[in-house]
Amino acid sequence: GRAVAKEWIFTARRLGAAEAHARGLVNR
């Protein structure tokens, strides 16, 4: 989604696997 992607790019945020999975970024 647009807003979540903007937040991550604007803040240079790093995500762990669990959050990435919860957000639909990774499948498993």
PDB file of all heavy atoms in Angstrom:
ATOM      1  N   GLY A   1       0.816  -1.207   0.000  1.00  0.00           N
ATOM      2  CA  GLY A   1       0.000   0.000   0.000  1.00  0.00           C
ATOM      3  C   GLY A   1       0.853   1.262   0.000  1.00  0.00           C
ATOM      4  O   GLY A   1       2.000   1.266   0.462  1.00  0.00           O
ATOM      5  N   ARG A   2       0.271   2.329  -0.509  1.00  0.00           N
ATOM      6  CA  ARG A   2       1.010   3.575  -0.716  1.00  0.00           C
ATOM      7  C   ARG A   2       1.514   4.187   0.591  1.00  0.00           C
ATOM      8  O   ARG A   2       2.686   4.534   0.714  1.00  0.00           O
ATOM      9  CB  ARG A   2       0.121   4.584  -1.451  1.00  0.00           C
ATOM     10  CG  ARG A   2       0.807   5.907  -1.745  1.00  0.00           C
ATOM     11  CD  ARG A   2      -0.134   6.886  -2.410  1.00  0.00           C
ATOM     12  NE  ARG A   2      -0.679   6.338  -3.652  1.00  0.00           N
ATOM     13  CZ  ARG A   2      -1.470   7.030  -4.475  1.00  0.00           C
ATOM     14  NH1 ARG A   2      -1.819   8.274  -4.171  1.00  0.00           N
ATOM     15  NH2 ARG A   2      -1.924   6.478  -5.577  1.00  0.00           N
ATOM     16  N   ALA A   3       0.622   4.324   1.577  1.00  0.00           N
ATOM     17  CA  ALA A   3       1.003   5.027   2.801  1.00  0.00           C
ATOM     18  C   ALA A   3       2.074   4.282   3.578  1.00  0.00           C
ATOM     19  O   ALA A   3       3.024   4.884   4.100  1.00  0.00           O
ATOM     20  CB  ALA A   3      -0.227   5.256   3.680  1.00  0.00           C
ATOM     21  N   VAL A   4       1.933   2.958   3.679  1.00  0.00           N
ATOM     22  CA  VAL A   4       2.928   2.162   4.401  1.00  0.00           C
ATOM     23  C   VAL A   4       4.279   2.227   3.681  1.00  0.00           C
ATOM     24  O   VAL A   4       5.330   2.408   4.315  1.00  0.00           O
ATOM     25  CB  VAL A   4       2.455   0.700   4.545  1.00  0.00           C
ATOM     26  CG1 VAL A   4       3.564  -0.166   5.132  1.00  0.00           C
ATOM     27  CG2 VAL A   4       1.208   0.629   5.421  1.00  0.00           C
ATOM     28  N   ALA A   5       4.260   2.100   2.361  1.00  0.00           N
ATOM     29  CA  ALA A   5       5.507   2.173   1.604  1.00  0.00           C
ATOM     30  C   ALA A   5       6.182   3.531   1.778  1.00  0.00           C
ATOM     31  O   ALA A   5       7.403   3.615   1.949  1.00  0.00           O
ATOM     32  CB  ALA A   5       5.240   1.898   0.126  1.00  0.00           C
ATOM     33  N   LYS A   6       5.402   4.591   1.751  1.00  0.00           N
ATOM     34  CA  LYS A   6       5.977   5.923   1.950  1.00  0.00           C
ATOM     35  C   LYS A   6       6.628   6.035   3.327  1.00  0.00           C
ATOM     36  O   LYS A   6       7.725   6.587   3.468  1.00  0.00           O
ATOM     37  CB  LYS A   6       4.897   6.989   1.794  1.00  0.00           C
ATOM     38  CG  LYS A   6       4.513   7.282   0.348  1.00  0.00           C
ATOM     39  CD  LYS A   6       3.455   8.376   0.293  1.00  0.00           C
ATOM     40  CE  LYS A   6       3.133   8.757  -1.135  1.00  0.00           C
ATOM     41  NZ  LYS A   6       2.094   9.816  -1.203  1.00  0.00           N
ATOM     42  N   GLU A   7       5.947   5.535   4.347  1.00  0.00           N
ATOM     43  CA  GLU A   7       6.521   5.601   5.696  1.00  0.00           C
ATOM     44  C   GLU A   7       7.861   4.891   5.747  1.00  0.00           C
ATOM     45  O   GLU A   7       8.848   5.414   6.296  1.00  0.00           O
ATOM     46  CB  GLU A   7       5.554   4.982   6.706  1.00  0.00           C
ATOM     47  CG  GLU A   7       6.116   4.968   8.131  1.00  0.00           C
ATOM     48  CD  GLU A   7       5.218   4.216   9.107  1.00  0.00           C
ATOM     49  OE1 GLU A   7       4.041   4.001   8.804  1.00  0.00           O
ATOM     50  OE2 GLU A   7       5.741   3.824  10.178  1.00  0.00           O
ATOM     51  N   TRP A   8       7.905   3.684   5.204  1.00  0.00           N
ATOM     52  CA  TRP A   8       9.152   2.908   5.264  1.00  0.00           C
ATOM     53  C   TRP A   8      10.270   3.571   4.470  1.00  0.00           C
ATOM     54  O   TRP A   8      11.427   3.579   4.904  1.00  0.00           O
ATOM     55  CB  TRP A   8       8.905   1.490   4.748  1.00  0.00           C
ATOM     56  CG  TRP A   8       8.009   0.674   5.640  1.00  0.00           C
ATOM     57  CD1 TRP A   8       7.571   1.005   6.889  1.00  0.00           C
ATOM     58  CD2 TRP A   8       7.449  -0.611   5.352  1.00  0.00           C
ATOM     59  NE1 TRP A   8       6.768   0.008   7.397  1.00  0.00           N
ATOM     60  CE2 TRP A   8       6.678  -0.996   6.473  1.00  0.00           C
ATOM     61  CE3 TRP A   8       7.507  -1.466   4.255  1.00  0.00           C
ATOM     62  CZ2 TRP A   8       5.985  -2.208   6.523  1.00  0.00           C
ATOM     63  CZ3 TRP A   8       6.824  -2.666   4.302  1.00  0.00           C
ATOM     64  CH2 TRP A   8       6.070  -3.035   5.421  1.00  0.00           C
ATOM     65  N   ILE A   9       9.941   4.121   3.311  1.00  0.00           N
ATOM     66  CA  ILE A   9      10.969   4.765   2.482  1.00  0.00           C
ATOM     67  C   ILE A   9      11.404   6.094   3.089  1.00  0.00           C
ATOM     68  O   ILE A   9      12.599   6.398   3.165  1.00  0.00           O
ATOM     69  CB  ILE A   9      10.458   4.957   1.038  1.00  0.00           C
ATOM     70  CG1 ILE A   9      10.284   3.589   0.357  1.00  0.00           C
ATOM     71  CG2 ILE A   9      11.421   5.821   0.232  1.00  0.00           C
ATOM     72  CD1 ILE A   9       9.586   3.657  -0.992  1.00  0.00           C
ATOM     73  N   PHE A  10      10.445   6.889   3.557  1.00  0.00           N
ATOM     74  CA  PHE A  10      10.777   8.198   4.126  1.00  0.00           C
ATOM     75  C   PHE A  10      11.630   8.074   5.390  1.00  0.00           C
ATOM     76  O   PHE A  10      12.465   8.926   5.672  1.00  0.00           O
ATOM     77  CB  PHE A  10       9.504   8.966   4.481  1.00  0.00           C
ATOM     78  CG  PHE A  10       8.659   9.378   3.296  1.00  0.00           C
ATOM     79  CD1 PHE A  10       7.390   9.906   3.489  1.00  0.00           C
ATOM     80  CD2 PHE A  10       9.124   9.241   1.999  1.00  0.00           C
ATOM     81  CE1 PHE A  10       6.601  10.290   2.417  1.00  0.00           C
ATOM     82  CE2 PHE A  10       8.340   9.613   0.906  1.00  0.00           C
ATOM     83  CZ  PHE A  10       7.076  10.139   1.120  1.00  0.00           C
ATOM     84  N   THR A  11      11.397   7.025   6.187  1.00  0.00           N
ATOM     85  CA  THR A  11      12.124   6.857   7.452  1.00  0.00           C
ATOM     86  C   THR A  11      13.330   5.943   7.323  1.00  0.00           C
ATOM     87  O   THR A  11      14.059   5.753   8.298  1.00  0.00           O
ATOM     88  CB  THR A  11      11.195   6.281   8.529  1.00  0.00           C
ATOM     89  OG1 THR A  11      10.742   4.979   8.119  1.00  0.00           O
ATOM     90  CG2 THR A  11       9.995   7.185   8.774  1.00  0.00           C
ATOM     91  N   ALA A  12      13.564   5.365   6.130  1.00  0.00           N
ATOM     92  CA  ALA A  12      14.650   4.404   5.919  1.00  0.00           C
ATOM     93  C   ALA A  12      14.542   3.230   6.897  1.00  0.00           C
ATOM     94  O   ALA A  12      15.540   2.697   7.371  1.00  0.00           O
ATOM     95  CB  ALA A  12      16.015   5.082   6.032  1.00  0.00           C
ATOM     96  N   ARG A  13      13.321   2.829   7.187  1.00  0.00           N
ATOM     97  CA  ARG A  13      13.070   1.832   8.216  1.00  0.00           C
ATOM     98  C   ARG A  13      13.525   0.437   7.803  1.00  0.00           C
ATOM     99  O   ARG A  13      13.419   0.052   6.637  1.00  0.00           O
ATOM    100  CB  ARG A  13      11.570   1.795   8.530  1.00  0.00           C
ATOM    101  CG  ARG A  13      11.222   0.885   9.680  1.00  0.00           C
ATOM    102  CD  ARG A  13       9.806   1.110  10.113  1.00  0.00           C
ATOM    103  NE  ARG A  13       9.402   0.171  11.133  1.00  0.00           N
ATOM    104  CZ  ARG A  13       8.160   0.037  11.540  1.00  0.00           C
ATOM    105  NH1 ARG A  13       7.210   0.785  11.021  1.00  0.00           N
ATOM    106  NH2 ARG A  13       7.844  -0.833  12.463  1.00  0.00           N
ATOM    107  N   ARG A  14      14.013  -0.300   8.783  1.00  0.00           N
ATOM    108  CA  ARG A  14      14.396  -1.698   8.588  1.00  0.00           C
ATOM    109  C   ARG A  14      13.382  -2.590   9.309  1.00  0.00           C
ATOM    110  O   ARG A  14      13.045  -2.328  10.452  1.00  0.00           O
ATOM    111  CB  ARG A  14      15.805  -1.946   9.108  1.00  0.00           C
ATOM    112  CG  ARG A  14      16.837  -1.056   8.430  1.00  0.00           C
ATOM    113  CD  ARG A  14      18.239  -1.344   8.878  1.00  0.00           C
ATOM    114  NE  ARG A  14      19.188  -0.462   8.216  1.00  0.00           N
ATOM    115  CZ  ARG A  14      20.471  -0.745   8.033  1.00  0.00           C
ATOM    116  NH1 ARG A  14      20.971  -1.882   8.490  1.00  0.00           N
ATOM    117  NH2 ARG A  14      21.276   0.106   7.418  1.00  0.00           N
ATOM    118  N   LEU A  15      12.946  -3.638   8.633  1.00  0.00           N
ATOM    119  CA  LEU A  15      11.915  -4.513   9.177  1.00  0.00           C
ATOM    120  C   LEU A  15      12.468  -5.899   9.430  1.00  0.00           C
ATOM    121  O   LEU A  15      13.261  -6.424   8.635  1.00  0.00           O
ATOM    122  CB  LEU A  15      10.742  -4.647   8.198  1.00  0.00           C
ATOM    123  CG  LEU A  15       9.874  -3.431   7.948  1.00  0.00           C
ATOM    124  CD1 LEU A  15      10.470  -2.568   6.851  1.00  0.00           C
ATOM    125  CD2 LEU A  15       8.477  -3.859   7.554  1.00  0.00           C
ATOM    126  N   GLY A  16      12.012  -6.514  10.503  1.00  0.00           N
ATOM    127  CA  GLY A  16      12.292  -7.909  10.745  1.00  0.00           C
ATOM    128  C   GLY A  16      11.319  -8.790   9.991  1.00  0.00           C
ATOM    129  O   GLY A  16      10.321  -8.324   9.434  1.00  0.00           O
ATOM    130  N   ALA A  17      11.592 -10.089   9.998  1.00  0.00           N
ATOM    131  CA  ALA A  17      10.789 -11.024   9.218  1.00  0.00           C
ATOM    132  C   ALA A  17       9.340 -11.069   9.685  1.00  0.00           C
ATOM    133  O   ALA A  17       8.419 -11.144   8.869  1.00  0.00           O
ATOM    134  CB  ALA A  17      11.411 -12.418   9.287  1.00  0.00           C
ATOM    135  N   ALA A  18       9.117 -11.015  10.999  1.00  0.00           N
ATOM    136  CA  ALA A  18       7.757 -11.134  11.523  1.00  0.00           C
ATOM    137  C   ALA A  18       6.892  -9.974  11.055  1.00  0.00           C
ATOM    138  O   ALA A  18       5.747 -10.169  10.619  1.00  0.00           O
ATOM    139  CB  ALA A  18       7.780 -11.214  13.050  1.00  0.00           C
ATOM    140  N   GLU A  19       7.416  -8.742  11.154  1.00  0.00           N
ATOM    141  CA  GLU A  19       6.635  -7.595  10.712  1.00  0.00           C
ATOM    142  C   GLU A  19       6.435  -7.619   9.207  1.00  0.00           C
ATOM    143  O   GLU A  19       5.353  -7.294   8.700  1.00  0.00           O
ATOM    144  CB  GLU A  19       7.294  -6.284  11.128  1.00  0.00           C
ATOM    145  CG  GLU A  19       6.459  -5.066  10.754  1.00  0.00           C
ATOM    146  CD  GLU A  19       7.042  -3.751  11.228  1.00  0.00           C
ATOM    147  OE1 GLU A  19       8.146  -3.757  11.815  1.00  0.00           O
ATOM    148  OE2 GLU A  19       6.386  -2.713  11.014  1.00  0.00           O
ATOM    149  N   ALA A  20       7.479  -8.009   8.467  1.00  0.00           N
ATOM    150  CA  ALA A  20       7.363  -8.096   7.017  1.00  0.00           C
ATOM    151  C   ALA A  20       6.270  -9.083   6.623  1.00  0.00           C
ATOM    152  O   ALA A  20       5.509  -8.857   5.672  1.00  0.00           O
ATOM    153  CB  ALA A  20       8.697  -8.503   6.403  1.00  0.00           C
ATOM    154  N   HIS A  21       6.175 -10.179   7.363  1.00  0.00           N
ATOM    155  CA  HIS A  21       5.135 -11.170   7.083  1.00  0.00           C
ATOM    156  C   HIS A  21       3.761 -10.621   7.430  1.00  0.00           C
ATOM    157  O   HIS A  21       2.790 -10.785   6.673  1.00  0.00           O
ATOM    158  CB  HIS A  21       5.417 -12.449   7.864  1.00  0.00           C
ATOM    159  CG  HIS A  21       4.429 -13.542   7.616  1.00  0.00           C
ATOM    160  ND1 HIS A  21       3.429 -13.858   8.498  1.00  0.00           N
ATOM    161  CD2 HIS A  21       4.285 -14.390   6.561  1.00  0.00           C
ATOM    162  CE1 HIS A  21       2.716 -14.862   8.021  1.00  0.00           C
ATOM    163  NE2 HIS A  21       3.206 -15.201   6.842  1.00  0.00           N
ATOM    164  N   ALA A  22       3.652  -9.952   8.561  1.00  0.00           N
ATOM    165  CA  ALA A  22       2.368  -9.397   8.988  1.00  0.00           C
ATOM    166  C   ALA A  22       1.851  -8.357   8.007  1.00  0.00           C
ATOM    167  O   ALA A  22       0.635  -8.203   7.830  1.00  0.00           O
ATOM    168  CB  ALA A  22       2.504  -8.796  10.380  1.00  0.00           C
ATOM    169  N   ARG A  23       2.766  -7.637   7.359  1.00  0.00           N
ATOM    170  CA  ARG A  23       2.388  -6.587   6.415  1.00  0.00           C
ATOM    171  C   ARG A  23       2.193  -7.120   4.992  1.00  0.00           C
ATOM    172  O   ARG A  23       1.871  -6.356   4.080  1.00  0.00           O
ATOM    173  CB  ARG A  23       3.459  -5.498   6.385  1.00  0.00           C
ATOM    174  CG  ARG A  23       3.572  -4.704   7.676  1.00  0.00           C
ATOM    175  CD  ARG A  23       2.392  -3.762   7.847  1.00  0.00           C
ATOM    176  NE  ARG A  23       2.640  -2.762   8.870  1.00  0.00           N
ATOM    177  CZ  ARG A  23       1.863  -1.714   9.102  1.00  0.00           C
ATOM    178  NH1 ARG A  23       0.778  -1.537   8.380  1.00  0.00           N
ATOM    179  NH2 ARG A  23       2.137  -0.851  10.069  1.00  0.00           N
ATOM    180  N   GLY A  24       2.419  -8.417   4.777  1.00  0.00           N
ATOM    181  CA  GLY A  24       2.232  -8.996   3.458  1.00  0.00           C
ATOM    182  C   GLY A  24       3.431  -8.857   2.544  1.00  0.00           C
ATOM    183  O   GLY A  24       3.334  -9.131   1.344  1.00  0.00           O
ATOM    184  N   LEU A  25       4.566  -8.455   3.111  1.00  0.00           N
ATOM    185  CA  LEU A  25       5.766  -8.277   2.301  1.00  0.00           C
ATOM    186  C   LEU A  25       6.428  -9.617   1.987  1.00  0.00           C
ATOM    187  O   LEU A  25       7.009  -9.795   0.915  1.00  0.00           O
ATOM    188  CB  LEU A  25       6.755  -7.359   3.036  1.00  0.00           C
ATOM    189  CG  LEU A  25       8.052  -7.004   2.338  1.00  0.00           C
ATOM    190  CD1 LEU A  25       7.796  -6.349   0.996  1.00  0.00           C
ATOM    191  CD2 LEU A  25       8.888  -6.085   3.226  1.00  0.00           C
ATOM    192  N   VAL A  26       6.371 -10.555   2.926  1.00  0.00           N
ATOM    193  CA  VAL A  26       6.894 -11.900   2.684  1.00  0.00           C
ATOM    194  C   VAL A  26       5.759 -12.906   2.862  1.00  0.00           C
ATOM    195  O   VAL A  26       4.815 -12.675   3.631  1.00  0.00           O
ATOM    196  CB  VAL A  26       8.082 -12.247   3.604  1.00  0.00           C
ATOM    197  CG1 VAL A  26       9.211 -11.256   3.434  1.00  0.00           C
ATOM    198  CG2 VAL A  26       7.655 -12.333   5.048  1.00  0.00           C
ATOM    199  N   ASN A  27       5.855 -14.022   2.132  1.00  0.00           N
ATOM    200  CA  ASN A  27       4.800 -15.035   2.164  1.00  0.00           C
ATOM    201  C   ASN A  27       4.930 -15.997   3.334  1.00  0.00           C
ATOM    202  O   ASN A  27       3.920 -16.413   3.912  1.00  0.00           O
ATOM    203  CB  ASN A  27       4.825 -15.831   0.855  1.00  0.00           C
ATOM    204  CG  ASN A  27       4.539 -14.967  -0.354  1.00  0.00           C
ATOM    205  OD1 ASN A  27       5.444 -14.314  -0.876  1.00  0.00           O
ATOM    206  ND2 ASN A  27       3.307 -14.950  -0.798  1.00  0.00           N
ATOM    207  N   ARG A  28       6.176 -16.345   3.671  1.00  0.00           N
ATOM    208  CA  ARG A  28       6.394 -17.302   4.742  1.00  0.00           C
ATOM    209  C   ARG A  28       7.643 -16.914   5.522  1.00  0.00           C
ATOM    210  O   ARG A  28       8.590 -16.352   4.962  1.00  0.00           O
ATOM    211  CB  ARG A  28       6.552 -18.731   4.197  1.00  0.00           C
ATOM    212  CG  ARG A  28       5.327 -19.235   3.446  1.00  0.00           C
ATOM    213  CD  ARG A  28       5.465 -20.690   3.021  1.00  0.00           C
ATOM    214  NE  ARG A  28       4.292 -21.107   2.255  1.00  0.00           N
ATOM    215  CZ  ARG A  28       4.104 -22.345   1.783  1.00  0.00           C
ATOM    216  NH1 ARG A  28       5.017 -23.291   2.010  1.00  0.00           N
ATOM    217  NH2 ARG A  28       3.021 -22.646   1.098  1.00  0.00           N
TER     218      ARG A  28
END
